[in-house]
Amino acid sequence: MLNFTLVVATSKPTVFSEKVLIHFNIDQYFDLVVGSNLDGTRTAKTEVIQYILDMHNGHKLDDFIMIGDKKHDIIGANNNGIDSIGVTYGYGSYEELTHSNPTYIVQSVDQLKDILIGSQVK
């Protein structure tokens, strides 16, 4: 059995992000939602990811991977020293993702699954 902790890392306000997940009935798939604060703090993706890393400080950086569709996701991961997977089936373009230097780029959920499941076989 695979054991992942799934966290939504967004620069959108946490309170609204939680409501969106509930609206689409996908909130049960995530262990935590971390976004910006309504007072305007923690708005950069780098800050959001750092906050998550600080919450899980008993883990090595190798235990984390950021999955995102925009350059800010990849830049945030790079700034925090963790791996990243750019997904081309979101809002960002292949060129945008490539220029932000992700660890991997995938074009499908199946490719994403292969990377994540493969990382468990060491």
Protein backbone atom coordinates (compact mmCIF):
# COMPACT_ATOMS: atom_id res chain seq x y z
CA MET A 1 0.00 0.00 0.00
CA LEU A 2 1.33 3.41 -0.98
CA ASN A 3 1.40 6.06 1.67
CA PHE A 4 1.38 9.63 0.39
CA THR A 5 0.37 12.80 2.16
CA LEU A 6 -1.39 15.00 -0.38
CA VAL A 7 -1.30 18.73 0.22
CA VAL A 8 -2.80 21.46 -1.94
CA ALA A 9 -0.19 24.23 -2.18
CA THR A 10 -1.78 27.32 -3.66
CA SER A 11 -1.15 31.04 -3.62
CA LYS A 12 -4.91 31.58 -3.55
CA PRO A 13 -6.45 32.16 -0.10
CA THR A 14 -6.69 28.94 1.90
CA VAL A 15 -10.28 29.57 2.99
CA PHE A 16 -11.52 29.90 -0.60
CA SER A 17 -9.42 26.98 -1.84
CA GLU A 18 -10.97 24.71 0.79
CA LYS A 19 -14.45 25.77 -0.39
CA VAL A 20 -13.58 24.98 -4.02
CA LEU A 21 -12.41 21.48 -3.06
CA ILE A 22 -15.62 20.90 -1.11
CA HIS A 23 -17.75 22.25 -3.98
CA PHE A 24 -16.20 19.77 -6.41
CA ASN A 25 -16.33 16.99 -3.80
CA ILE A 26 -12.61 16.30 -3.91
CA ASP A 27 -11.65 17.58 -0.46
CA GLN A 28 -11.48 14.04 0.93
CA TYR A 29 -8.51 13.28 -1.33
CA PHE A 30 -6.27 15.85 0.35
CA ASP A 31 -4.77 15.80 3.82
CA LEU A 32 -4.17 19.53 4.00
CA VAL A 33 -4.78 22.76 2.09
CA VAL A 34 -2.19 25.52 2.42
CA GLY A 35 -2.59 28.81 0.63
CA SER A 36 -2.26 32.48 1.23
CA ASN A 37 -3.73 34.30 4.20
CA LEU A 38 -6.50 36.85 3.87
CA ASP A 39 -4.21 39.49 5.36
CA GLY A 40 -2.05 39.31 2.23
CA THR A 41 0.74 37.19 3.69
CA ARG A 42 2.14 33.94 2.31
CA THR A 43 1.12 34.79 -1.26
CA ALA A 44 4.19 33.51 -3.12
CA LYS A 45 4.33 29.81 -4.00
CA THR A 46 7.84 29.65 -2.53
CA GLU A 47 6.44 30.78 0.84
CA VAL A 48 3.55 28.33 0.66
CA ILE A 49 5.86 25.40 -0.05
CA GLN A 50 8.29 26.48 2.69
CA TYR A 51 5.38 26.59 5.16
CA ILE A 52 4.45 23.01 4.22
CA LEU A 53 8.05 21.85 4.54
CA ASP A 54 8.27 23.48 7.97
CA MET A 55 5.10 21.65 9.04
CA HIS A 56 6.71 18.35 8.03
CA ASN A 57 10.24 19.04 9.24
CA GLY A 58 10.79 15.41 10.24
CA HIS A 59 11.05 14.48 6.56
CA LYS A 60 13.92 14.82 4.11
CA LEU A 61 13.52 17.14 1.12
CA ASP A 62 13.68 14.01 -1.06
CA ASP A 63 10.32 12.99 0.43
CA PHE A 64 8.53 15.94 -1.24
CA ILE A 65 7.47 16.61 -4.79
CA MET A 66 5.53 19.57 -6.15
CA ILE A 67 3.10 18.85 -8.95
CA GLY A 68 1.97 21.90 -10.86
CA ASP A 69 0.86 23.32 -14.17
CA LYS A 70 2.45 26.79 -14.00
CA LYS A 71 5.98 28.14 -13.70
CA HIS A 72 5.30 29.47 -10.20
CA ASP A 73 4.78 25.91 -8.96
CA ILE A 74 8.11 24.79 -10.38
CA ILE A 75 9.98 27.90 -9.27
CA GLY A 76 8.60 27.47 -5.75
CA ALA A 77 9.81 23.88 -5.68
CA ASN A 78 13.23 24.85 -7.03
CA ASN A 79 13.57 27.66 -4.49
CA ASN A 80 12.90 25.16 -1.70
CA GLY A 81 15.17 22.41 -3.02
CA ILE A 82 12.48 19.83 -3.80
CA ASP A 83 11.66 17.91 -6.96
CA SER A 84 8.82 18.97 -9.22
CA ILE A 85 6.59 17.59 -11.92
CA GLY A 86 5.21 19.96 -14.50
CA VAL A 87 1.91 18.81 -15.96
CA THR A 88 1.04 20.04 -19.45
CA TYR A 89 -2.67 19.29 -19.12
CA GLY A 90 -3.27 22.34 -16.90
CA TYR A 91 -3.18 26.06 -17.59
CA GLY A 92 0.53 26.44 -18.28
CA SER A 93 2.25 25.71 -21.56
CA TYR A 94 5.00 23.21 -22.26
CA GLU A 95 7.36 26.11 -23.00
CA GLU A 96 6.55 27.85 -19.69
CA LEU A 97 7.17 24.65 -17.76
CA THR A 98 10.36 23.82 -19.64
CA HIS A 99 11.84 27.27 -18.96
CA SER A 100 11.18 26.92 -15.24
CA ASN A 101 13.31 23.76 -15.08
CA PRO A 102 11.12 21.03 -13.51
CA THR A 103 12.51 17.67 -12.51
CA TYR A 104 9.96 15.99 -14.81
CA ILE A 105 7.34 17.07 -17.33
CA VAL A 106 4.33 14.85 -18.03
CA GLN A 107 1.52 15.07 -20.51
CA SER A 108 -0.96 12.72 -18.87
CA VAL A 109 -2.18 11.44 -15.54
CA ASP A 110 -0.84 8.01 -16.50
CA GLN A 111 2.67 9.45 -16.89
CA LEU A 112 2.29 11.19 -13.54
CA LYS A 113 1.21 7.93 -11.93
CA ASP A 114 4.21 6.12 -13.41
CA ILE A 115 6.62 8.63 -11.88
CA LEU A 116 4.95 8.63 -8.46
CA ILE A 117 4.48 4.87 -8.24
CA GLY A 118 7.98 4.30 -9.62
CA SER A 119 9.42 6.49 -6.85
CA GLN A 120 8.09 3.99 -4.31
CA VAL A 121 10.05 1.11 -5.85
CA LYS A 122 13.60 1.63 -4.59
